[in-house]
N, C-alpha and C. Protein backbone atom coordinates (compact mmCIF):
# COMPACT_ATOMS: atom_id res chain seq x y z
N MET A 1 1.84 2.51 0.06
CA MET A 1 1.27 2.44 1.49
C MET A 1 1.19 3.34 2.52
N LYS A 2 0.68 4.38 1.32
CA LYS A 2 0.63 5.99 2.25
C LYS A 2 -0.60 5.82 2.46
N LYS A 3 -1.42 4.80 1.16
CA LYS A 3 -2.97 4.44 1.63
C LYS A 3 -2.83 4.39 3.40
N ASN A 4 -2.27 2.44 3.11
CA ASN A 4 -2.35 2.06 5.08
C ASN A 4 -1.76 3.10 5.74
N ILE A 5 -1.06 3.66 5.65
CA ILE A 5 -0.97 5.43 7.26
C ILE A 5 -1.77 5.36 6.78
N TYR A 6 -2.99 6.38 5.85
CA TYR A 6 -3.54 7.03 6.46
C TYR A 6 -4.59 6.09 7.13
N LYS A 7 -4.78 4.59 6.62
CA LYS A 7 -5.69 4.25 7.11
C LYS A 7 -5.90 3.52 8.32
N LYS A 8 -4.78 3.48 9.30
CA LYS A 8 -4.33 3.83 10.24
C LYS A 8 -4.54 4.87 11.33
N LEU A 9 -4.35 5.94 11.09
CA LEU A 9 -4.36 6.73 11.67
C LEU A 9 -5.56 7.26 11.27
N ASP A 10 -7.00 6.95 10.04
CA ASP A 10 -8.13 7.20 11.14
C ASP A 10 -8.73 6.05 11.89
N GLU A 11 -8.63 4.74 11.25
CA GLU A 11 -8.83 4.04 12.50
C GLU A 11 -8.28 5.02 13.97
N LEU A 12 -7.38 4.79 14.16
CA LEU A 12 -6.98 5.36 15.91
C LEU A 12 -7.46 7.32 16.59
N ASP A 13 -8.29 7.61 15.13
CA ASP A 13 -9.04 8.45 14.99
C ASP A 13 -8.21 9.78 15.83
N ILE A 14 -6.68 9.61 14.61
CA ILE A 14 -5.74 10.33 14.75
C ILE A 14 -6.19 11.28 13.24
N LYS A 15 -6.10 13.15 13.32
CA LYS A 15 -6.64 13.91 12.59
C LYS A 15 -5.39 14.69 11.94
N TYR A 16 -4.66 14.54 10.83
CA TYR A 16 -4.28 15.48 9.44
C TYR A 16 -3.79 16.32 9.01
N GLN A 17 -3.45 17.44 7.95
CA GLN A 17 -3.72 17.30 7.32
C GLN A 17 -2.61 17.15 6.37
N ILE A 18 -2.50 17.44 4.69
CA ILE A 18 -2.10 16.97 4.42
C ILE A 18 -1.37 17.88 3.43
N LEU A 19 -0.28 17.89 2.60
CA LEU A 19 0.49 18.70 2.08
C LEU A 19 0.42 18.40 1.14
N GLU A 20 0.61 18.68 -1.10
CA GLU A 20 0.88 17.98 -1.86
C GLU A 20 2.85 19.19 -2.43
N HIS A 21 3.71 18.07 -2.48
CA HIS A 21 4.75 18.94 -3.36
C HIS A 21 4.67 18.66 -4.57
N LYS A 22 6.28 19.14 -4.75
CA LYS A 22 7.11 18.42 -5.45
C LYS A 22 8.38 17.06 -4.94
N GLU A 23 8.39 15.82 -5.82
CA GLU A 23 9.73 15.42 -5.43
C GLU A 23 10.64 16.32 -4.59
N VAL A 24 11.45 15.37 -3.17
CA VAL A 24 12.41 15.59 -2.63
C VAL A 24 12.44 14.39 -1.99
N PHE A 25 14.11 14.17 -1.72
CA PHE A 25 15.35 12.82 -1.35
C PHE A 25 15.85 13.28 0.18
N THR A 26 15.99 14.75 0.63
CA THR A 26 16.76 14.81 1.43
C THR A 26 16.19 15.55 2.25
N ALA A 27 16.55 15.47 4.25
CA ALA A 27 15.73 16.69 4.99
C ALA A 27 16.01 17.97 4.50
N GLU A 28 16.37 19.02 3.58
CA GLU A 28 16.75 20.14 3.61
C GLU A 28 15.95 20.28 2.25
N GLU A 29 15.70 19.24 1.54
CA GLU A 29 13.85 19.34 0.34
C GLU A 29 13.49 19.44 1.16
N PHE A 30 12.88 18.41 1.83
CA PHE A 30 12.15 18.51 3.20
C PHE A 30 11.49 19.92 3.56
N TYR A 31 12.22 19.92 3.90
CA TYR A 31 12.05 21.37 4.66
C TYR A 31 11.60 22.98 4.23
N ASP A 32 12.64 22.78 2.31
CA ASP A 32 11.76 24.26 2.26
C ASP A 32 11.22 24.08 1.06
N VAL A 33 10.01 22.80 1.45
CA VAL A 33 8.74 22.95 0.88
C VAL A 33 8.38 22.58 1.53
N THR A 34 8.66 22.69 2.78
CA THR A 34 7.15 22.50 4.21
C THR A 34 7.26 23.58 5.35
N LYS A 35 8.26 24.52 5.02
CA LYS A 35 8.94 25.25 5.86
C LYS A 35 7.27 26.28 6.28
N ASP A 36 6.66 26.06 5.98
CA ASP A 36 5.63 27.12 6.60
C ASP A 36 4.76 25.75 6.98
N MET A 37 4.53 25.11 7.34
CA MET A 37 3.75 24.29 8.01
C MET A 37 3.76 24.28 9.90
N PRO A 38 2.57 24.10 10.27
CA PRO A 38 3.07 24.48 12.01
C PRO A 38 4.11 22.67 12.78
N GLY A 39 4.64 23.08 13.33
CA GLY A 39 5.85 22.25 14.02
C GLY A 39 6.77 21.29 13.87
N TYR A 40 7.50 20.86 14.54
CA TYR A 40 8.94 20.18 13.72
C TYR A 40 9.10 19.51 12.29
N HIS A 41 10.00 19.78 11.58
CA HIS A 41 9.70 18.71 10.10
C HIS A 41 10.73 17.33 10.49
N CYS A 42 10.83 16.67 10.61
CA CYS A 42 11.55 15.43 10.55
C CYS A 42 12.62 14.58 9.87
N LYS A 43 13.37 14.47 10.51
CA LYS A 43 14.74 13.20 9.18
C LYS A 43 14.38 12.40 9.82
N ASN A 44 14.17 11.12 9.22
CA ASN A 44 14.54 9.29 9.58
C ASN A 44 15.58 9.20 8.86
N LEU A 45 16.27 8.19 9.76
CA LEU A 45 17.68 7.26 9.53
C LEU A 45 17.30 6.23 9.91
N PHE A 46 17.81 5.36 9.05
CA PHE A 46 17.37 3.57 9.08
C PHE A 46 18.55 3.25 9.19
N LEU A 47 19.35 2.17 10.60
CA LEU A 47 20.40 2.25 11.04
C LEU A 47 20.13 0.51 11.69
N LYS A 48 21.46 0.26 11.37
CA LYS A 48 21.80 -1.68 11.78
C LYS A 48 23.05 -0.86 12.80
N ASN A 49 23.15 -2.42 14.13
CA ASN A 49 24.19 -1.83 14.49
C ASN A 49 25.36 -2.53 14.14
N SER A 50 26.13 -3.16 14.56
CA SER A 50 27.71 -3.47 13.63
C SER A 50 27.78 -4.96 12.97
N ASN A 51 26.96 -6.14 14.13
CA ASN A 51 26.83 -7.29 13.97
C ASN A 51 25.14 -7.59 13.31
N LYS A 52 24.92 -6.85 12.27
CA LYS A 52 23.96 -6.19 12.21
C LYS A 52 22.24 -6.92 12.52
N SER A 53 22.69 -7.24 14.13
CA SER A 53 21.50 -8.40 14.42
C SER A 53 20.58 -7.26 14.80
N LYS A 54 20.74 -6.22 14.22
CA LYS A 54 19.19 -5.07 15.33
C LYS A 54 19.49 -4.23 14.31
N ASN A 55 18.16 -4.30 13.75
CA ASN A 55 17.60 -2.44 13.22
C ASN A 55 17.25 -1.34 13.57
N TYR A 56 17.11 0.34 13.76
CA TYR A 56 16.20 0.81 14.19
C TYR A 56 16.07 2.14 13.59
N LEU A 57 15.08 2.53 13.64
CA LEU A 57 14.24 3.51 12.90
C LEU A 57 15.17 5.01 13.44
N LEU A 58 15.71 5.68 13.18
CA LEU A 58 15.95 7.19 14.28
C LEU A 58 15.18 8.14 14.12
N VAL A 59 14.11 8.97 14.30
CA VAL A 59 13.54 10.81 14.32
C VAL A 59 14.48 11.65 14.79
N ALA A 60 14.11 12.32 14.00
CA ALA A 60 15.48 13.47 14.51
C ALA A 60 14.50 14.82 14.03
N LYS A 61 14.22 15.92 14.92
CA LYS A 61 14.33 17.47 14.95
C LYS A 61 15.04 17.35 12.45
N HIS A 62 14.84 18.30 11.72
CA HIS A 62 14.86 17.83 10.56
C HIS A 62 16.89 18.97 10.36
N ASP A 63 16.92 19.18 11.68
CA ASP A 63 18.15 20.33 11.68
C ASP A 63 19.26 20.49 12.76
N LYS A 64 18.95 18.84 13.16
CA LYS A 64 19.95 18.11 14.21
C LYS A 64 20.96 17.59 13.46
N ALA A 65 22.16 17.38 13.95
CA ALA A 65 22.89 17.12 13.53
C ALA A 65 23.04 15.78 14.18
N VAL A 66 23.47 14.48 13.85
CA VAL A 66 22.85 13.25 14.59
C VAL A 66 24.62 12.37 14.57
N ASN A 67 24.91 12.47 16.17
CA ASN A 67 25.85 11.87 16.51
C ASN A 67 25.55 10.66 17.06
N LEU A 68 25.92 9.42 15.78
CA LEU A 68 25.24 8.14 16.15
C LEU A 68 26.39 7.28 17.12
N LYS A 69 27.56 7.86 17.67
CA LYS A 69 28.04 7.60 18.66
C LYS A 69 27.61 7.52 19.83
N ASN A 70 27.05 8.54 19.95
CA ASN A 70 26.10 8.76 21.11
C ASN A 70 24.56 8.31 20.87
N VAL A 71 23.96 7.99 20.25
CA VAL A 71 23.23 7.39 20.30
C VAL A 71 23.08 5.85 20.42
N LYS A 72 24.55 5.86 20.53
CA LYS A 72 24.99 4.13 20.18
C LYS A 72 25.30 3.84 21.80
N SER A 73 25.88 4.88 22.53
CA SER A 73 25.74 4.61 23.96
C SER A 73 24.34 5.23 24.84
N GLN A 74 23.78 5.66 24.44
CA GLN A 74 22.21 5.82 24.71
C GLN A 74 21.47 4.34 25.01
N ILE A 75 22.16 4.02 24.19
CA ILE A 75 20.93 2.26 23.42
C ILE A 75 21.34 1.48 24.16
N GLY A 76 22.71 1.51 24.35
CA GLY A 76 23.83 -0.09 24.22
C GLY A 76 23.90 -0.73 23.36
N SER A 77 24.24 0.22 22.49
CA SER A 77 24.65 -0.80 21.23
C SER A 77 25.70 -0.54 20.65
N THR A 78 26.21 -1.82 19.81
CA THR A 78 27.08 -1.63 18.97
C THR A 78 28.04 -0.60 18.21
N ARG A 79 28.72 -0.01 17.23
CA ARG A 79 28.75 0.35 16.39
C ARG A 79 27.13 1.10 16.25
N LEU A 80 26.58 2.36 15.29
CA LEU A 80 25.32 2.27 14.22
C LEU A 80 26.64 2.77 13.02
N SER A 81 25.13 2.56 12.00
CA SER A 81 25.75 2.95 10.39
C SER A 81 24.43 2.14 9.62
N PHE A 82 24.51 2.97 8.70
CA PHE A 82 23.00 2.62 7.62
C PHE A 82 22.98 1.99 7.36
N ASP A 83 21.64 1.05 7.56
CA ASP A 83 21.37 0.33 6.42
C ASP A 83 21.29 0.55 5.20
N THR A 84 20.89 -0.85 3.96
CA THR A 84 21.26 -0.50 2.75
C THR A 84 19.57 -0.67 2.67
N PRO A 85 19.65 -0.14 1.14
CA PRO A 85 17.67 -0.18 0.58
C PRO A 85 17.14 -0.95 0.96
N GLU A 86 18.02 -2.25 0.23
CA GLU A 86 17.84 -3.12 0.20
C GLU A 86 16.77 -4.08 1.19
N LYS A 87 17.68 -3.70 3.48
CA LYS A 87 16.86 -4.19 4.31
C LYS A 87 16.03 -3.25 4.18
N LEU A 88 16.26 -1.74 3.77
CA LEU A 88 14.91 -1.02 4.69
C LEU A 88 13.52 -1.35 4.19
N TYR A 89 14.05 -2.01 2.33
CA TYR A 89 12.67 -2.22 1.97
C TYR A 89 12.12 -3.55 2.72
N GLU A 90 12.83 -4.74 2.96
CA GLU A 90 12.76 -5.79 3.51
C GLU A 90 11.61 -5.59 4.51
N LEU A 91 12.45 -4.78 5.28
CA LEU A 91 11.81 -5.15 6.58
C LEU A 91 10.42 -3.76 6.38
N LEU A 92 9.98 -2.30 6.51
CA LEU A 92 9.66 -1.64 6.18
C LEU A 92 8.93 -1.02 4.52
N LYS A 93 9.22 -1.64 4.05
CA LYS A 93 8.53 -1.61 2.47
C LYS A 93 8.34 0.00 1.99
N VAL A 94 9.74 0.75 1.95
CA VAL A 94 9.66 2.16 1.68
C VAL A 94 11.41 1.28 0.92
N THR A 95 11.71 3.10 0.54
CA THR A 95 12.65 3.76 -0.21
C THR A 95 13.35 4.14 0.43
N PRO A 96 14.41 4.84 0.49
CA PRO A 96 14.95 5.77 1.27
C PRO A 96 14.38 6.91 0.47
N GLY A 97 14.10 7.83 1.32
CA GLY A 97 13.47 8.69 0.67
C GLY A 97 11.74 9.14 1.06
N SER A 98 11.09 8.37 1.76
CA SER A 98 10.34 7.92 1.99
C SER A 98 10.01 7.00 3.65
N VAL A 99 10.82 7.17 3.64
CA VAL A 99 11.29 6.46 5.71
C VAL A 99 10.19 7.50 6.75
N ASN A 100 9.79 6.84 7.09
CA ASN A 100 8.94 7.95 8.67
C ASN A 100 8.18 7.14 9.26
N PRO A 101 8.15 7.14 10.58
CA PRO A 101 8.25 6.10 11.68
C PRO A 101 6.92 5.89 11.47
N PHE A 102 5.96 5.84 10.87
CA PHE A 102 4.53 4.80 10.45
C PHE A 102 4.67 3.76 9.21
N SER A 103 5.92 3.67 8.57
CA SER A 103 6.04 2.90 7.84
C SER A 103 6.61 1.59 8.88
N ILE A 104 6.29 1.63 10.30
CA ILE A 104 6.70 0.80 11.30
C ILE A 104 5.53 -0.61 11.20
N ILE A 105 5.03 0.20 10.83
CA ILE A 105 3.58 -0.81 10.89
C ILE A 105 3.53 -1.91 10.10
N ASN A 106 4.39 -1.73 8.54
CA ASN A 106 4.66 -3.11 7.41
C ASN A 106 5.93 -3.74 8.37
N ASP A 107 6.13 -4.14 10.01
CA ASP A 107 7.55 -4.34 10.39
C ASP A 107 7.03 -5.14 10.66
N ILE A 108 5.85 -6.62 10.31
CA ILE A 108 5.25 -7.09 11.28
C ILE A 108 5.57 -8.53 12.08
N ASP A 109 6.96 -8.58 11.73
CA ASP A 109 7.40 -9.35 12.80
C ASP A 109 8.72 -8.54 14.40
N SER A 110 8.52 -6.60 14.39
CA SER A 110 8.30 -5.95 15.02
C SER A 110 9.65 -5.97 15.44
N GLN A 111 10.72 -6.29 14.53
CA GLN A 111 12.21 -6.18 13.55
C GLN A 111 12.94 -4.73 14.34
N VAL A 112 12.24 -3.87 13.95
CA VAL A 112 12.91 -2.79 14.03
C VAL A 112 12.50 -1.90 14.76
N GLU A 113 13.64 -1.63 15.77
CA GLU A 113 13.19 -0.32 16.95
C GLU A 113 13.07 1.42 16.41
N LEU A 114 12.35 1.56 17.07
CA LEU A 114 12.32 3.00 16.94
C LEU A 114 12.47 3.79 17.47
N LEU A 115 13.19 4.91 17.41
CA LEU A 115 14.45 5.22 18.36
C LEU A 115 13.98 6.61 18.12
N ILE A 116 13.07 7.78 19.65
CA ILE A 116 12.76 8.84 18.83
C ILE A 116 14.06 10.42 19.84
N ASP A 117 13.74 11.33 19.23
CA ASP A 117 15.11 12.04 19.94
C ASP A 117 13.79 12.58 20.37
N SER A 118 13.92 13.03 21.97
CA SER A 118 13.46 13.64 22.66
C SER A 118 12.22 14.54 22.80
N GLU A 119 13.23 15.65 21.83
CA GLU A 119 12.57 17.04 21.11
C GLU A 119 11.50 16.59 20.90
N LEU A 120 10.80 15.62 20.63
CA LEU A 120 9.57 15.26 19.37
C LEU A 120 9.11 14.86 20.23
N LEU A 121 8.89 14.72 21.12
CA LEU A 121 7.75 14.16 22.35
C LEU A 121 6.95 15.26 22.70
N ASP A 122 7.04 16.37 22.87
CA ASP A 122 7.28 17.50 23.86
C ASP A 122 5.57 18.50 23.70
N GLY A 123 4.88 18.23 22.21
CA GLY A 123 3.46 17.91 22.35
C GLY A 123 3.50 18.73 20.50
N ASN A 124 4.64 19.59 20.58
CA ASN A 124 4.12 20.12 19.16
C ASN A 124 3.85 18.82 18.04
N ASN A 125 3.38 19.65 16.77
CA ASN A 125 2.51 18.87 15.59
C ASN A 125 4.48 18.69 15.68
N LEU A 126 4.06 17.59 14.28
CA LEU A 126 5.62 17.20 13.64
C LEU A 126 4.51 16.84 12.26
N ASN A 127 5.68 16.88 11.13
CA ASN A 127 5.44 16.61 9.87
C ASN A 127 6.35 15.29 9.48
N PHE A 128 6.14 14.39 8.90
CA PHE A 128 6.37 13.55 7.86
C PHE A 128 6.00 12.95 6.75
N HIS A 129 6.33 12.39 5.91
CA HIS A 129 6.38 11.92 5.14
C HIS A 129 5.46 10.61 5.64
N PRO A 130 4.80 10.54 4.08
CA PRO A 130 3.95 8.45 4.30
C PRO A 130 3.99 8.42 3.19
N ALA A 131 4.98 7.75 3.98
CA ALA A 131 5.75 6.57 2.50
C ALA A 131 5.87 7.55 0.76
N ILE A 132 5.89 8.29 1.13
CA ILE A 132 6.36 9.45 -0.30
C ILE A 132 6.58 10.01 -0.45
N ASN A 133 7.40 10.57 -1.32
CA ASN A 133 8.12 11.35 -1.09
C ASN A 133 7.47 12.97 -2.00
N THR A 134 7.00 13.15 -2.26
CA THR A 134 5.22 14.32 -2.83
C THR A 134 4.68 14.72 -1.70
N GLU A 135 3.82 14.18 -1.06
CA GLU A 135 3.48 14.66 0.10
C GLU A 135 4.26 14.31 1.41
N THR A 136 3.65 16.11 2.76
CA THR A 136 3.74 15.52 3.68
C THR A 136 2.31 15.34 4.46
N PHE A 137 2.25 14.73 5.81
CA PHE A 137 1.30 15.03 6.00
C PHE A 137 1.75 15.57 7.42
N ASN A 138 0.56 17.11 8.18
CA ASN A 138 1.31 17.46 9.52
C ASN A 138 -0.17 16.63 11.14
N ILE A 139 0.81 16.47 12.43
CA ILE A 139 0.44 15.99 13.34
C ILE A 139 0.02 16.21 14.36
N SER A 140 -0.39 16.00 15.37
CA SER A 140 -0.75 17.11 16.55
C SER A 140 0.37 15.82 17.67
N GLY A 141 1.40 16.31 18.56
CA GLY A 141 2.10 15.36 18.82
C GLY A 141 1.76 14.92 20.35
N GLU A 142 0.05 14.58 20.20
CA GLU A 142 -0.76 14.41 20.98
C GLU A 142 -1.30 12.83 20.44
N ASP A 143 -1.04 12.86 19.33
CA ASP A 143 -1.51 12.39 18.23
C ASP A 143 -0.32 11.39 17.99
N PHE A 144 0.52 11.71 17.43
CA PHE A 144 1.78 11.04 17.69
C PHE A 144 1.96 10.01 18.81
N ASN A 145 1.62 10.79 20.06
CA ASN A 145 1.94 9.25 21.32
C ASN A 145 1.13 8.79 21.13
N LYS A 146 -0.42 8.85 20.50
CA LYS A 146 -1.06 7.69 19.94
C LYS A 146 -0.68 6.83 19.32
N PHE A 147 -0.11 6.39 18.50
CA PHE A 147 0.17 5.88 17.59
C PHE A 147 1.21 5.81 18.21
N LEU A 148 2.20 5.86 18.60
CA LEU A 148 3.47 5.26 19.49
C LEU A 148 2.67 3.99 20.20
N GLU A 149 2.06 3.93 21.27
CA GLU A 149 1.50 3.69 22.59
C GLU A 149 0.79 1.94 21.46
N ASP A 150 0.51 2.68 20.53
CA ASP A 150 -0.06 1.60 19.19
C ASP A 150 0.42 0.29 18.71
N ILE A 151 1.72 0.81 18.67
CA ILE A 151 2.37 -0.55 17.48
C ILE A 151 2.92 -1.19 18.83
N SER A 152 3.32 -2.09 18.08
CA SER A 152 4.36 -3.40 19.23
C SER A 152 5.73 -3.51 19.39
N ASN A 153 6.41 -2.72 18.06
CA ASN A 153 7.25 -2.82 18.56
C ASN A 153 8.07 -1.84 19.60
N ASP A 154 9.68 -1.90 19.71
CA ASP A 154 10.26 -1.03 21.28
C ASP A 154 9.85 0.58 20.55
N VAL A 155 9.90 1.22 21.26
CA VAL A 155 10.18 2.75 20.91
C VAL A 155 10.96 3.24 22.05
N THR A 156 12.65 3.50 21.81
CA THR A 156 13.36 4.69 22.93
C THR A 156 13.28 6.08 22.53
N LYS A 157 13.18 6.82 23.96
CA LYS A 157 13.80 7.87 23.35
C LYS A 157 15.18 8.08 23.72
N VAL A 158 15.50 9.67 23.29
CA VAL A 158 17.11 9.38 22.99
C VAL A 158 16.89 10.95 23.10
N ASN A 159 18.10 11.03 23.31
CA ASN A 159 18.79 12.84 23.86
C ASN A 159 19.60 13.66 21.73
N ILE A 160 19.25 13.43 21.01
CA ILE A 160 19.92 14.09 19.89
C ILE A 160 20.43 15.18 20.22
């Protein structure tokens, strides 16, 4: 999977730097090993609405508390909750701890809507896992926007 992400970034002429590190499973562990990388450190939440008719991938700064009721009202959804690892793998082909917005390239039918904390779109560099939790890559905010413009999934800005 990470090879597909790097291939996509190369196709889009997106520059990135890679940091290899110990395996991490939480946003806090992620920040501990990548805190010296420039820019925002991101966390990714795989969500579903209450009737399981819609899936979302929410991307926010690692240190922000996410209020799902607030997000729900911003996007006009029913109650939001975490979806299962099985559904995550079915749609994005990744496991918990490895999900990132670039996993969306595996969503062939564009079933997952990407929700992006608007603060992440202010031009600063961003840090993500490339679908494996032993590496982190850093890209510019401009290049992240280039990626978002290329995908066919819906992308919605939210305020976290």
